[in-house]
Amino acid sequence: MPLTIITSDRFVDHVTPPGHPERPARAEALAGVARRWRDRGVPVLEPRLAEEPDLVRVHDAAHVAAMRATAGQATMIDADTFTSPDSWTVGRLAAGAALTAVDAVLDGPAGSRAFALVRPPGHHAERDKAMGFCLFNSIAVGAAHARARGLARVAVMDYDVHHGNGTQQMFYDDPDVFFVSTHQFPFYPGTGAAGETGQGDGAGYTLNVPLEAGATDADYDLVFREAVVPALMAFKPDLLLVSAGFDAHADDPLAGMRMSAGGFARLTAHLCAVADACCEGRMVLMSEGGYQADALAECASRAVAVAAGEERVLLGEPIPGDDRRGRSAVQQVHAAVRLPFHPWPR
């Protein structure tokens, strides 16, 4: 499959306080992934800067202005979220990577995919505020850009260990953007219960799959097979966007899941199959969380390999093992969720 990586050396220039988990070393780990794949012939592009018209599709103008006012300064937005003098630019490059990735996929040959390796992450940023390490909601900027380019239906799948509250908020009443999330629950930021399914015209176009701490590759594979993939297939998106957070890895210091790099490769393979079936293979992945550098690099590289067609993952049989947490999550979803497009029996 034609794959493009989007990243920038500037991502190290967003500096957080000493000991902060969202540190520049994360950018260095992702840059190493990009270099290794570039050496194997995968094109690597520099992202363009997101400008105010791109950002205000999903953010309030007042939030954009507040972020602009931090330029050249080190500021504390909340207990988790900080800026440094270059963060205004770096944050716009992260959001701009979503724009560059969407354009690369939509303007490329059939089956084109893109992976934006960025920091800071974005999925916690809400319409009117930065939070949870996130300044701008990059994946939401990309989804809105795809819609502005004329796509009728866009799906956003978030497999970060934390619920993508910002992405959910931005599209909660929008039937043209289907938001799906698997995440540890209860956990930060406190949202993402199975009963959160959208409102107004968007009722039924949000799908949350809350998983108990300790979930393994077998649990995630089960919820993808029995909830996530059927729902995405039934929605039939024109483009699939993925918030690819790797902090459900067993070695991650911020969460309590037990995923492996191979498990993330399998999740990515499930999503590639959805993209192949629904949207001519068109898929954009964007890095989100992942706070143990070696695990982050391994998981990202395996996901790139799958998206590029370099690693084949057989999906014919479930992953063996204890899948009680996954089965509980699926039961919650099937009991709470009534999607307008009925992907499973009512």
C-alpha atoms as a PDB file:
ATOM      1  CA  MET A   1       0.000   0.000   0.000  1.00  0.00           C
ATOM      2  CA  PRO A   2       1.317   3.511  -0.760  1.00  0.00           C
ATOM      3  CA  LEU A   3       2.242   5.008   2.620  1.00  0.00           C
ATOM      4  CA  THR A   4       3.518   8.471   3.501  1.00  0.00           C
ATOM      5  CA  ILE A   5       4.940   9.473   6.883  1.00  0.00           C
ATOM      6  CA  ILE A   6       4.531  13.067   8.044  1.00  0.00           C
ATOM      7  CA  THR A   7       6.782  14.378  10.790  1.00  0.00           C
ATOM      8  CA  SER A   8       9.132  17.231  11.703  1.00  0.00           C
ATOM      9  CA  ASP A   9      12.332  17.755  13.645  1.00  0.00           C
ATOM     10  CA  ARG A  10      10.548  20.700  15.261  1.00  0.00           C
ATOM     11  CA  PHE A  11       8.488  18.428  17.499  1.00  0.00           C
ATOM     12  CA  VAL A  12      11.332  18.343  20.048  1.00  0.00           C
ATOM     13  CA  ASP A  13      10.956  22.115  20.483  1.00  0.00           C
ATOM     14  CA  HIS A  14       7.789  21.822  22.578  1.00  0.00           C
ATOM     15  CA  VAL A  15       9.479  21.674  25.986  1.00  0.00           C
ATOM     16  CA  THR A  16       7.749  20.514  29.153  1.00  0.00           C
ATOM     17  CA  PRO A  17       9.000  20.707  32.754  1.00  0.00           C
ATOM     18  CA  PRO A  18      11.597  18.183  33.955  1.00  0.00           C
ATOM     19  CA  GLY A  19      10.026  14.819  34.704  1.00  0.00           C
ATOM     20  CA  HIS A  20       6.918  15.484  32.626  1.00  0.00           C
ATOM     21  CA  PRO A  21       5.838  12.321  30.758  1.00  0.00           C
ATOM     22  CA  GLU A  22       5.039  14.206  27.518  1.00  0.00           C
ATOM     23  CA  ARG A  23       8.694  15.065  26.988  1.00  0.00           C
ATOM     24  CA  PRO A  24      10.853  15.813  23.930  1.00  0.00           C
ATOM     25  CA  ALA A  25      12.322  12.292  24.085  1.00  0.00           C
ATOM     26  CA  ARG A  26       8.992  11.106  22.687  1.00  0.00           C
ATOM     27  CA  ALA A  27       9.637  13.129  19.541  1.00  0.00           C
ATOM     28  CA  GLU A  28      13.120  11.659  19.308  1.00  0.00           C
ATOM     29  CA  ALA A  29      11.671   8.134  19.484  1.00  0.00           C
ATOM     30  CA  LEU A  30       9.171   8.910  16.725  1.00  0.00           C
ATOM     31  CA  ALA A  31      11.865  10.579  14.617  1.00  0.00           C
ATOM     32  CA  GLY A  32      13.882   7.382  14.812  1.00  0.00           C
ATOM     33  CA  VAL A  33      10.907   5.453  13.467  1.00  0.00           C
ATOM     34  CA  ALA A  34      10.560   7.906  10.575  1.00  0.00           C
ATOM     35  CA  ARG A  35      14.268   7.657   9.736  1.00  0.00           C
ATOM     36  CA  ARG A  36      14.221   3.867   9.647  1.00  0.00           C
ATOM     37  CA  TRP A  37      11.241   3.782   7.312  1.00  0.00           C
ATOM     38  CA  ARG A  38      12.636   6.558   5.126  1.00  0.00           C
ATOM     39  CA  ASP A  39      15.767   4.451   4.705  1.00  0.00           C
ATOM     40  CA  ARG A  40      13.485   1.662   3.456  1.00  0.00           C
ATOM     41  CA  GLY A  41      11.977   3.923   0.814  1.00  0.00           C
ATOM     42  CA  VAL A  42       8.870   5.287   2.545  1.00  0.00           C
ATOM     43  CA  PRO A  43       8.450   9.003   1.723  1.00  0.00           C
ATOM     44  CA  VAL A  44       8.635  11.343   4.713  1.00  0.00           C
ATOM     45  CA  LEU A  45       7.030  14.781   4.397  1.00  0.00           C
ATOM     46  CA  GLU A  46       7.320  17.912   6.513  1.00  0.00           C
ATOM     47  CA  PRO A  47       3.896  19.079   7.747  1.00  0.00           C
ATOM     48  CA  ARG A  48       2.496  22.447   6.853  1.00  0.00           C
ATOM     49  CA  LEU A  49       1.493  24.883   9.581  1.00  0.00           C
ATOM     50  CA  ALA A  50      -2.182  24.858  10.470  1.00  0.00           C
ATOM     51  CA  GLU A  51      -3.504  28.399  10.124  1.00  0.00           C
ATOM     52  CA  GLU A  52      -6.401  29.991  11.984  1.00  0.00           C
ATOM     53  CA  PRO A  53      -9.059  29.025   9.384  1.00  0.00           C
ATOM     54  CA  ASP A  54      -7.980  25.391   9.756  1.00  0.00           C
ATOM     55  CA  LEU A  55      -8.124  25.521  13.546  1.00  0.00           C
ATOM     56  CA  VAL A  56     -11.425  27.374  13.959  1.00  0.00           C
ATOM     57  CA  ARG A  57     -13.289  24.628  12.125  1.00  0.00           C
ATOM     58  CA  VAL A  58     -13.147  22.789  15.459  1.00  0.00           C
ATOM     59  CA  HIS A  59     -11.788  25.281  18.025  1.00  0.00           C
ATOM     60  CA  ASP A  60     -13.245  28.545  19.254  1.00  0.00           C
ATOM     61  CA  ALA A  61     -11.406  31.599  17.947  1.00  0.00           C
ATOM     62  CA  ALA A  62     -10.825  32.626  21.565  1.00  0.00           C
ATOM     63  CA  HIS A  63      -8.923  29.398  22.214  1.00  0.00           C
ATOM     64  CA  VAL A  64      -6.736  29.936  19.164  1.00  0.00           C
ATOM     65  CA  ALA A  65      -6.035  33.497  20.318  1.00  0.00           C
ATOM     66  CA  ALA A  66      -5.166  32.265  23.815  1.00  0.00           C
ATOM     67  CA  MET A  67      -2.686  29.787  22.371  1.00  0.00           C
ATOM     68  CA  ARG A  68      -1.195  32.475  20.130  1.00  0.00           C
ATOM     69  CA  ALA A  69      -0.660  34.643  23.218  1.00  0.00           C
ATOM     70  CA  THR A  70       1.663  31.964  24.668  1.00  0.00           C
ATOM     71  CA  ALA A  71       4.141  32.355  21.788  1.00  0.00           C
ATOM     72  CA  GLY A  72       7.606  33.089  23.122  1.00  0.00           C
ATOM     73  CA  GLN A  73       6.633  32.170  26.685  1.00  0.00           C
ATOM     74  CA  ALA A  74       6.636  29.265  29.085  1.00  0.00           C
ATOM     75  CA  THR A  75       3.165  28.951  30.589  1.00  0.00           C
ATOM     76  CA  MET A  76       1.182  26.532  32.723  1.00  0.00           C
ATOM     77  CA  ILE A  77      -2.313  25.929  31.347  1.00  0.00           C
ATOM     78  CA  ASP A  78      -3.321  23.328  33.933  1.00  0.00           C
ATOM     79  CA  ALA A  79      -1.561  20.823  36.176  1.00  0.00           C
ATOM     80  CA  ASP A  80      -0.756  18.608  33.178  1.00  0.00           C
ATOM     81  CA  THR A  81      -0.474  21.007  30.245  1.00  0.00           C
ATOM     82  CA  PHE A  82       2.319  23.477  29.548  1.00  0.00           C
ATOM     83  CA  THR A  83       3.707  25.614  26.772  1.00  0.00           C
ATOM     84  CA  SER A  84       7.267  26.686  26.022  1.00  0.00           C
ATOM     85  CA  PRO A  85       8.379  29.550  23.745  1.00  0.00           C
ATOM     86  CA  ASP A  86       8.030  27.427  20.578  1.00  0.00           C
ATOM     87  CA  SER A  87       4.838  25.571  21.488  1.00  0.00           C
ATOM     88  CA  TRP A  88       2.516  27.847  19.481  1.00  0.00           C
ATOM     89  CA  THR A  89       4.423  26.878  16.334  1.00  0.00           C
ATOM     90  CA  VAL A  90       4.932  23.228  17.248  1.00  0.00           C
ATOM     91  CA  GLY A  91       1.262  22.785  18.130  1.00  0.00           C
ATOM     92  CA  ARG A  92       0.254  24.184  14.761  1.00  0.00           C
ATOM     93  CA  LEU A  93       2.721  21.839  13.050  1.00  0.00           C
ATOM     94  CA  ALA A  94       1.098  18.871  14.819  1.00  0.00           C
ATOM     95  CA  ALA A  95      -2.334  20.014  13.645  1.00  0.00           C
ATOM     96  CA  GLY A  96      -0.887  20.793  10.223  1.00  0.00           C
ATOM     97  CA  ALA A  97       0.411  17.235   9.998  1.00  0.00           C
ATOM     98  CA  ALA A  98      -3.214  16.110  10.007  1.00  0.00           C
ATOM     99  CA  LEU A  99      -3.936  18.429   7.080  1.00  0.00           C
ATOM    100  CA  THR A 100      -0.865  17.229   5.188  1.00  0.00           C
ATOM    101  CA  ALA A 101      -1.759  13.598   5.867  1.00  0.00           C
ATOM    102  CA  VAL A 102      -5.370  13.986   4.703  1.00  0.00           C
ATOM    103  CA  ASP A 103      -4.234  15.745   1.523  1.00  0.00           C
ATOM    104  CA  ALA A 104      -1.601  13.078   0.838  1.00  0.00           C
ATOM    105  CA  VAL A 105      -4.232  10.352   1.078  1.00  0.00           C
ATOM    106  CA  LEU A 106      -6.973  12.124  -0.866  1.00  0.00           C
ATOM    107  CA  ASP A 107      -4.629  13.336  -3.601  1.00  0.00           C
ATOM    108  CA  GLY A 108      -2.612  10.117  -3.839  1.00  0.00           C
ATOM    109  CA  PRO A 109      -3.304   6.911  -5.745  1.00  0.00           C
ATOM    110  CA  ALA A 110      -5.970   4.443  -4.683  1.00  0.00           C
ATOM    111  CA  GLY A 111      -5.151   2.782  -1.388  1.00  0.00           C
ATOM    112  CA  SER A 112      -3.008   5.648  -0.114  1.00  0.00           C
ATOM    113  CA  ARG A 113      -2.348   5.799   3.618  1.00  0.00           C
ATOM    114  CA  ALA A 114      -0.493   8.255   5.811  1.00  0.00           C
ATOM    115  CA  PHE A 115       0.936   8.173   9.317  1.00  0.00           C
ATOM    116  CA  ALA A 116       1.593  11.461  11.117  1.00  0.00           C
ATOM    117  CA  LEU A 117       4.211  10.982  13.859  1.00  0.00           C
ATOM    118  CA  VAL A 118       3.682  14.073  15.991  1.00  0.00           C
ATOM    119  CA  ARG A 119       3.785  15.638  19.416  1.00  0.00           C
ATOM    120  CA  PRO A 120       2.182  17.074  21.416  1.00  0.00           C
ATOM    121  CA  PRO A 121      -0.824  14.764  21.236  1.00  0.00           C
ATOM    122  CA  GLY A 122      -4.207  16.312  20.531  1.00  0.00           C
ATOM    123  CA  HIS A 123      -7.285  14.252  21.348  1.00  0.00           C
ATOM    124  CA  HIS A 124      -7.948  15.777  24.787  1.00  0.00           C
ATOM    125  CA  ALA A 125      -8.027  19.386  23.526  1.00  0.00           C
ATOM    126  CA  GLU A 126     -11.617  20.601  23.551  1.00  0.00           C
ATOM    127  CA  ARG A 127     -13.275  23.273  21.490  1.00  0.00           C
ATOM    128  CA  ASP A 128     -12.425  26.002  23.983  1.00  0.00           C
ATOM    129  CA  LYS A 129      -9.435  24.734  25.943  1.00  0.00           C
ATOM    130  CA  ALA A 130      -6.155  22.857  26.002  1.00  0.00           C
ATOM    131  CA  MET A 131      -5.873  19.984  28.458  1.00  0.00           C
ATOM    132  CA  GLY A 132      -4.279  16.589  29.045  1.00  0.00           C
ATOM    133  CA  PHE A 133      -0.941  17.536  27.394  1.00  0.00           C
ATOM    134  CA  CYS A 134      -2.879  18.636  24.258  1.00  0.00           C
ATOM    135  CA  LEU A 135      -2.913  22.139  22.740  1.00  0.00           C
ATOM    136  CA  PHE A 136      -4.911  21.642  19.527  1.00  0.00           C
ATOM    137  CA  ASN A 137      -7.011  18.638  18.570  1.00  0.00           C
ATOM    138  CA  SER A 138      -5.056  17.524  15.535  1.00  0.00           C
ATOM    139  CA  ILE A 139      -7.217  14.539  14.552  1.00  0.00           C
ATOM    140  CA  ALA A 140     -10.345  16.712  14.731  1.00  0.00           C
ATOM    141  CA  VAL A 141      -8.648  19.344  12.558  1.00  0.00           C
ATOM    142  CA  GLY A 142      -7.949  16.585  10.039  1.00  0.00           C
ATOM    143  CA  ALA A 143     -11.519  15.276  10.126  1.00  0.00           C
ATOM    144  CA  ALA A 144     -12.960  18.755   9.594  1.00  0.00           C
ATOM    145  CA  HIS A 145     -10.513  19.330   6.732  1.00  0.00           C
ATOM    146  CA  ALA A 146     -11.638  16.105   5.061  1.00  0.00           C
ATOM    147  CA  ARG A 147     -15.249  17.177   5.349  1.00  0.00           C
ATOM    148  CA  ALA A 148     -14.370  20.612   3.922  1.00  0.00           C
ATOM    149  CA  ARG A 149     -12.780  18.835   0.968  1.00  0.00           C
ATOM    150  CA  GLY A 150     -16.142  17.274   0.205  1.00  0.00           C
ATOM    151  CA  LEU A 151     -16.162  13.876   1.906  1.00  0.00           C
ATOM    152  CA  ALA A 152     -19.631  12.940   3.111  1.00  0.00           C
ATOM    153  CA  ARG A 153     -18.703  10.605   5.984  1.00  0.00           C
ATOM    154  CA  VAL A 154     -15.557  10.481   8.096  1.00  0.00           C
ATOM    155  CA  ALA A 155     -14.841   8.026  10.923  1.00  0.00           C
ATOM    156  CA  VAL A 156     -12.386   8.664  13.754  1.00  0.00           C
ATOM    157  CA  MET A 157     -11.197   5.579  15.650  1.00  0.00           C
ATOM    158  CA  ASP A 158      -9.260   6.285  18.868  1.00  0.00           C
ATOM    159  CA  TYR A 159      -7.378   3.390  20.492  1.00  0.00           C
ATOM    160  CA  ASP A 160      -5.369   5.535  22.906  1.00  0.00           C
ATOM    161  CA  VAL A 161      -5.670   4.277  26.492  1.00  0.00           C
ATOM    162  CA  HIS A 162      -7.327   7.570  27.500  1.00  0.00           C
ATOM    163  CA  HIS A 163     -10.729   8.561  26.189  1.00  0.00           C
ATOM    164  CA  GLY A 164     -10.596  11.191  23.433  1.00  0.00           C
ATOM    165  CA  ASN A 165     -12.928  13.601  25.188  1.00  0.00           C
ATOM    166  CA  GLY A 166     -12.046  16.535  22.944  1.00  0.00           C
ATOM    167  CA  THR A 167     -12.729  14.670  19.711  1.00  0.00           C
ATOM    168  CA  GLN A 168     -15.993  13.363  21.105  1.00  0.00           C
ATOM    169  CA  GLN A 169     -17.092  16.839  22.180  1.00  0.00           C
ATOM    170  CA  MET A 170     -16.372  18.393  18.807  1.00  0.00           C
ATOM    171  CA  PHE A 171     -18.469  15.885  16.855  1.00  0.00           C
ATOM    172  CA  TYR A 172     -21.046  14.820  19.465  1.00  0.00           C
ATOM    173  CA  ASP A 173     -23.968  16.271  17.528  1.00  0.00           C
ATOM    174  CA  ASP A 174     -22.575  15.597  14.036  1.00  0.00           C
ATOM    175  CA  PRO A 175     -23.957  12.587  12.117  1.00  0.00           C
ATOM    176  CA  ASP A 176     -21.285  12.911   9.414  1.00  0.00           C
ATOM    177  CA  VAL A 177     -18.346  12.146  11.741  1.00  0.00           C
ATOM    178  CA  PHE A 178     -18.538   8.814  13.551  1.00  0.00           C
ATOM    179  CA  PHE A 179     -16.332   8.780  16.658  1.00  0.00           C
ATOM    180  CA  VAL A 180     -15.298   5.417  18.125  1.00  0.00           C
ATOM    181  CA  SER A 181     -13.069   4.964  21.167  1.00  0.00           C
ATOM    182  CA  THR A 182     -11.600   2.065  23.136  1.00  0.00           C
ATOM    183  CA  HIS A 183     -10.082   3.161  26.436  1.00  0.00           C
ATOM    184  CA  GLN A 184      -9.388   2.287  30.049  1.00  0.00           C
ATOM    185  CA  PHE A 185     -12.419   3.160  32.182  1.00  0.00           C
ATOM    186  CA  PRO A 186     -12.868   4.612  34.707  1.00  0.00           C
ATOM    187  CA  PHE A 187      -9.761   6.685  34.089  1.00  0.00           C
ATOM    188  CA  TYR A 188      -8.603  10.124  32.985  1.00  0.00           C
ATOM    189  CA  PRO A 189     -10.357  12.284  31.794  1.00  0.00           C
ATOM    190  CA  GLY A 190     -13.494  10.712  33.283  1.00  0.00           C
ATOM    191  CA  THR A 191     -15.544  10.553  30.094  1.00  0.00           C
ATOM    192  CA  GLY A 192     -16.218   7.646  27.743  1.00  0.00           C
ATOM    193  CA  ALA A 193     -18.957   5.553  29.358  1.00  0.00           C
ATOM    194  CA  ALA A 194     -20.816   3.239  27.002  1.00  0.00           C
ATOM    195  CA  GLY A 195     -23.946   5.363  27.414  1.00  0.00           C
ATOM    196  CA  GLU A 196     -22.271   8.399  25.812  1.00  0.00           C
ATOM    197  CA  THR A 197     -23.580   7.919  22.276  1.00  0.00           C
ATOM    198  CA  GLY A 198     -24.101  11.395  20.810  1.00  0.00           C
ATOM    199  CA  GLN A 199     -26.855  13.975  20.942  1.00  0.00           C
ATOM    200  CA  GLY A 200     -29.252  15.775  18.607  1.00  0.00           C
ATOM    201  CA  ASP A 201     -28.575  14.911  14.986  1.00  0.00           C
ATOM    202  CA  GLY A 202     -25.495  13.047  16.173  1.00  0.00           C
ATOM    203  CA  ALA A 203     -27.377  10.651  18.449  1.00  0.00           C
ATOM    204  CA  GLY A 204     -25.976   7.189  17.786  1.00  0.00           C
ATOM    205  CA  TYR A 205     -22.861   8.444  15.994  1.00  0.00           C
ATOM    206  CA  THR A 206     -20.533   8.088  19.010  1.00  0.00           C
ATOM    207  CA  LEU A 207     -19.421   4.638  20.161  1.00  0.00           C
ATOM    208  CA  ASN A 208     -17.493   4.223  23.395  1.00  0.00           C
ATOM    209  CA  VAL A 209     -16.022   0.876  24.417  1.00  0.00           C
ATOM    210  CA  PRO A 210     -14.881   1.212  28.055  1.00  0.00           C
ATOM    211  CA  LEU A 211     -12.389  -1.437  29.163  1.00  0.00           C
ATOM    212  CA  GLU A 212     -11.412  -2.366  32.700  1.00  0.00           C
ATOM    213  CA  ALA A 213      -7.750  -1.914  33.656  1.00  0.00           C
ATOM    214  CA  GLY A 214      -5.648  -4.975  32.885  1.00  0.00           C
ATOM    215  CA  ALA A 215      -7.050  -5.585  29.399  1.00  0.00           C
ATOM    216  CA  THR A 216      -4.791  -7.616  27.102  1.00  0.00           C
ATOM    217  CA  ASP A 217      -4.346  -8.160  23.378  1.00  0.00           C
ATOM    218  CA  ALA A 218      -7.115 -10.789  23.572  1.00  0.00           C
ATOM    219  CA  ASP A 219      -9.548  -8.295  25.122  1.00  0.00           C
ATOM    220  CA  TYR A 220      -8.844  -5.623  22.523  1.00  0.00           C
ATOM    221  CA  ASP A 221      -9.064  -8.091  19.659  1.00  0.00           C
ATOM    222  CA  LEU A 222     -12.456  -9.231  20.939  1.00  0.00           C
ATOM    223  CA  VAL A 223     -13.919  -5.720  21.178  1.00  0.00           C
ATOM    224  CA  PHE A 224     -12.612  -4.874  17.721  1.00  0.00           C
ATOM    225  CA  ARG A 225     -14.186  -8.023  16.263  1.00  0.00           C
ATOM    226  CA  GLU A 226     -17.541  -7.711  18.009  1.00  0.00           C
ATOM    227  CA  ALA A 227     -18.075  -3.960  18.340  1.00  0.00           C
ATOM    228  CA  VAL A 228     -15.585  -1.650  16.653  1.00  0.00           C
ATOM    229  CA  VAL A 229     -15.178  -3.267  13.230  1.00  0.00           C
ATOM    230  CA  PRO A 230     -18.881  -4.059  12.708  1.00  0.00           C
ATOM    231  CA  ALA A 231     -19.843  -0.492  13.591  1.00  0.00           C
ATOM    232  CA  LEU A 232     -17.239   1.065  11.292  1.00  0.00           C
ATOM    233  CA  MET A 233     -18.190  -1.277   8.456  1.00  0.00           C
ATOM    234  CA  ALA A 234     -21.853  -0.375   8.863  1.00  0.00           C
ATOM    235  CA  PHE A 235     -21.105   3.369   8.873  1.00  0.00           C
ATOM    236  CA  LYS A 236     -19.131   3.032   5.605  1.00  0.00           C
ATOM    237  CA  PRO A 237     -16.829   6.034   5.961  1.00  0.00           C
ATOM    238  CA  ASP A 238     -15.247   7.753   2.973  1.00  0.00           C
ATOM    239  CA  LEU A 239     -12.071   8.157   5.059  1.00  0.00           C
ATOM    240  CA  LEU A 240     -10.876   6.487   8.255  1.00  0.00           C
ATOM    241  CA  LEU A 241      -8.802   8.528  10.709  1.00  0.00           C
ATOM    242  CA  VAL A 242      -7.041   6.823  13.625  1.00  0.00           C
ATOM    243  CA  SER A 243      -5.892   8.385  16.891  1.00  0.00           C
ATOM    244  CA  ALA A 244      -3.046   5.927  17.352  1.00  0.00           C
ATOM    245  CA  GLY A 245      -2.080   6.200  20.983  1.00  0.00           C
ATOM    246  CA  PHE A 246       0.201   3.437  22.273  1.00  0.00           C
ATOM    247  CA  ASP A 247      -0.161   4.015  26.015  1.00  0.00           C
ATOM    248  CA  ALA A 248      -2.200   0.833  26.531  1.00  0.00           C
ATOM    249  CA  HIS A 249       1.145  -0.992  26.194  1.00  0.00           C
ATOM    250  CA  ALA A 250       2.079  -3.078  29.238  1.00  0.00           C
ATOM    251  CA  ASP A 251       5.231  -1.012  29.849  1.00  0.00           C
ATOM    252  CA  ASP A 252       3.531   2.390  29.741  1.00  0.00           C
ATOM    253  CA  PRO A 253       3.856   4.251  33.059  1.00  0.00           C
ATOM    254  CA  LEU A 254       0.573   6.183  32.860  1.00  0.00           C
ATOM    255  CA  ALA A 255      -2.004   3.424  32.493  1.00  0.00           C
ATOM    256  CA  GLY A 256      -2.904  -0.074  33.567  1.00  0.00           C
ATOM    257  CA  MET A 257      -3.376  -2.072  30.375  1.00  0.00           C
ATOM    258  CA  ARG A 258      -1.328  -5.053  29.166  1.00  0.00           C
ATOM    259  CA  MET A 259      -1.154  -4.643  25.406  1.00  0.00           C
ATOM    260  CA  SER A 260       1.902  -5.645  23.352  1.00  0.00           C
ATOM    261  CA  ALA A 261       3.384  -4.157  20.187  1.00  0.00           C
ATOM    262  CA  GLY A 262       1.999  -7.171  18.335  1.00  0.00           C
ATOM    263  CA  GLY A 263      -1.426  -6.375  19.716  1.00  0.00           C
ATOM    264  CA  PHE A 264      -1.240  -2.869  18.293  1.00  0.00           C
ATOM    265  CA  ALA A 265      -0.161  -4.303  14.949  1.00  0.00           C
ATOM    266  CA  ARG A 266      -3.305  -6.437  15.031  1.00  0.00           C
ATOM    267  CA  LEU A 267      -5.567  -3.469  15.860  1.00  0.00           C
ATOM    268  CA  THR A 268      -4.022  -1.580  12.957  1.00  0.00           C
ATOM    269  CA  ALA A 269      -4.633  -4.576  10.691  1.00  0.00           C
ATOM    270  CA  HIS A 270      -8.307  -4.622  11.697  1.00  0.00           C
ATOM    271  CA  LEU A 271      -8.558  -0.943  10.746  1.00  0.00           C
ATOM    272  CA  CYS A 272      -6.728  -1.462   7.456  1.00  0.00           C
ATOM    273  CA  ALA A 273      -9.325  -4.105   6.620  1.00  0.00           C
ATOM    274  CA  VAL A 274     -12.094  -1.583   7.340  1.00  0.00           C
ATOM    275  CA  ALA A 275     -10.402   1.018   5.142  1.00  0.00           C
ATOM    276  CA  ASP A 276      -9.963  -1.497   2.326  1.00  0.00           C
ATOM    277  CA  ALA A 277     -13.626  -2.505   2.512  1.00  0.00           C
ATOM    278  CA  CYS A 278     -15.179   0.952   2.926  1.00  0.00           C
ATOM    279  CA  CYS A 279     -12.968   3.712   1.569  1.00  0.00           C
ATOM    280  CA  GLU A 280     -10.612   2.301  -1.059  1.00  0.00           C
ATOM    281  CA  GLY A 281      -7.918   1.793   1.564  1.00  0.00           C
ATOM    282  CA  ARG A 282      -7.755   5.474   2.490  1.00  0.00           C
ATOM    283  CA  MET A 283      -6.625   5.840   6.081  1.00  0.00           C
ATOM    284  CA  VAL A 284      -4.755   8.425   8.145  1.00  0.00           C
ATOM    285  CA  LEU A 285      -3.114   7.498  11.449  1.00  0.00           C
ATOM    286  CA  MET A 286      -1.874  10.087  13.946  1.00  0.00           C
ATOM    287  CA  SER A 287       0.213   9.380  17.017  1.00  0.00           C
ATOM    288  CA  GLU A 288      -1.305  10.347  20.348  1.00  0.00           C
ATOM    289  CA  GLY A 289      -0.082   8.950  23.685  1.00  0.00           C
ATOM    290  CA  GLY A 290       2.691   6.507  24.526  1.00  0.00           C
ATOM    291  CA  TYR A 291       5.056   7.477  27.313  1.00  0.00           C
ATOM    292  CA  GLN A 292       7.672   4.731  27.459  1.00  0.00           C
ATOM    293  CA  ALA A 293      10.062   5.592  24.644  1.00  0.00           C
ATOM    294  CA  ASP A 294      11.088   2.085  23.585  1.00  0.00           C
ATOM    295  CA  ALA A 295       7.512   0.798  23.628  1.00  0.00           C
ATOM    296  CA  LEU A 296       6.333   3.875  21.739  1.00  0.00           C
ATOM    297  CA  ALA A 297       8.931   3.364  19.011  1.00  0.00           C
ATOM    298  CA  GLU A 298       8.233  -0.367  18.677  1.00  0.00           C
ATOM    299  CA  CYS A 299       4.449   0.068  18.567  1.00  0.00           C
ATOM    300  CA  ALA A 300       4.620   2.938  16.065  1.00  0.00           C
ATOM    301  CA  SER A 301       7.014   1.020  13.826  1.00  0.00           C
ATOM    302  CA  ARG A 302       4.800  -2.084  13.860  1.00  0.00           C
ATOM    303  CA  ALA A 303       1.747   0.041  13.016  1.00  0.00           C
ATOM    304  CA  VAL A 304       3.653   1.664  10.137  1.00  0.00           C
ATOM    305  CA  ALA A 305       4.673  -1.785   8.898  1.00  0.00           C
ATOM    306  CA  VAL A 306       1.073  -2.975   8.842  1.00  0.00           C
ATOM    307  CA  ALA A 307      -0.247   0.203   7.219  1.00  0.00           C
ATOM    308  CA  ALA A 308       2.468  -0.033   4.547  1.00  0.00           C
ATOM    309  CA  GLY A 309       1.668  -3.668   3.816  1.00  0.00           C
ATOM    310  CA  GLU A 310       5.113  -4.763   4.993  1.00  0.00           C
ATOM    311  CA  GLU A 311       3.744  -6.826   7.871  1.00  0.00           C
ATOM    312  CA  ARG A 312       0.853  -9.216   7.279  1.00  0.00           C
ATOM    313  CA  VAL A 313      -1.383  -9.960  10.236  1.00  0.00           C
ATOM    314  CA  LEU A 314      -3.785 -12.872   9.918  1.00  0.00           C
ATOM    315  CA  LEU A 315      -7.167 -11.973  11.381  1.00  0.00           C
ATOM    316  CA  GLY A 316      -8.938 -15.288  10.854  1.00  0.00           C
ATOM    317  CA  GLU A 317      -8.849 -16.503  14.452  1.00  0.00           C
ATOM    318  CA  PRO A 318      -9.254 -14.658  17.766  1.00  0.00           C
ATOM    319  CA  ILE A 319      -6.228 -14.151  19.973  1.00  0.00           C
ATOM    320  CA  PRO A 320      -6.291 -16.931  22.589  1.00  0.00           C
ATOM    321  CA  GLY A 321      -6.322 -15.937  26.230  1.00  0.00           C
ATOM    322  CA  ASP A 322      -8.471 -14.453  28.954  1.00  0.00           C
ATOM    323  CA  ASP A 323     -10.863 -12.011  27.275  1.00  0.00           C
ATOM    324  CA  ARG A 324     -13.296 -11.410  30.156  1.00  0.00           C
ATOM    325  CA  ARG A 325     -12.668  -7.652  30.210  1.00  0.00           C
ATOM    326  CA  GLY A 326     -13.321  -7.402  26.512  1.00  0.00           C
ATOM    327  CA  ARG A 327     -16.477  -9.491  26.739  1.00  0.00           C
ATOM    328  CA  SER A 328     -17.794  -7.287  29.549  1.00  0.00           C
ATOM    329  CA  ALA A 329     -17.121  -4.184  27.454  1.00  0.00           C
ATOM    330  CA  VAL A 330     -18.943  -5.643  24.439  1.00  0.00           C
ATOM    331  CA  GLN A 331     -21.941  -6.499  26.623  1.00  0.00           C
ATOM    332  CA  GLN A 332     -22.058  -2.901  27.870  1.00  0.00           C
ATOM    333  CA  VAL A 333     -21.897  -1.564  24.334  1.00  0.00           C
ATOM    334  CA  HIS A 334     -24.582  -3.856  22.961  1.00  0.00           C
ATOM    335  CA  ALA A 335     -26.862  -3.009  25.888  1.00  0.00           C
ATOM    336  CA  ALA A 336     -26.380   0.765  25.685  1.00  0.00           C
ATOM    337  CA  VAL A 337     -25.822   1.609  22.035  1.00  0.00           C
ATOM    338  CA  ARG A 338     -28.420   1.859  19.291  1.00  0.00           C
ATOM    339  CA  LEU A 339     -26.589   3.065  16.213  1.00  0.00           C
ATOM    340  CA  PRO A 340     -28.758   4.347  13.347  1.00  0.00           C
ATOM    341  CA  PHE A 341     -27.072   1.881  10.992  1.00  0.00           C
ATOM    342  CA  HIS A 342     -27.587  -1.267  13.174  1.00  0.00           C
ATOM    343  CA  PRO A 343     -24.223  -3.093  12.928  1.00  0.00           C
ATOM    344  CA  TRP A 344     -25.313  -5.890  15.248  1.00  0.00           C
ATOM    345  CA  PRO A 345     -28.661  -7.495  16.175  1.00  0.00           C
ATOM    346  CA  ARG A 346     -30.813  -5.383  18.450  1.00  0.00           C
END
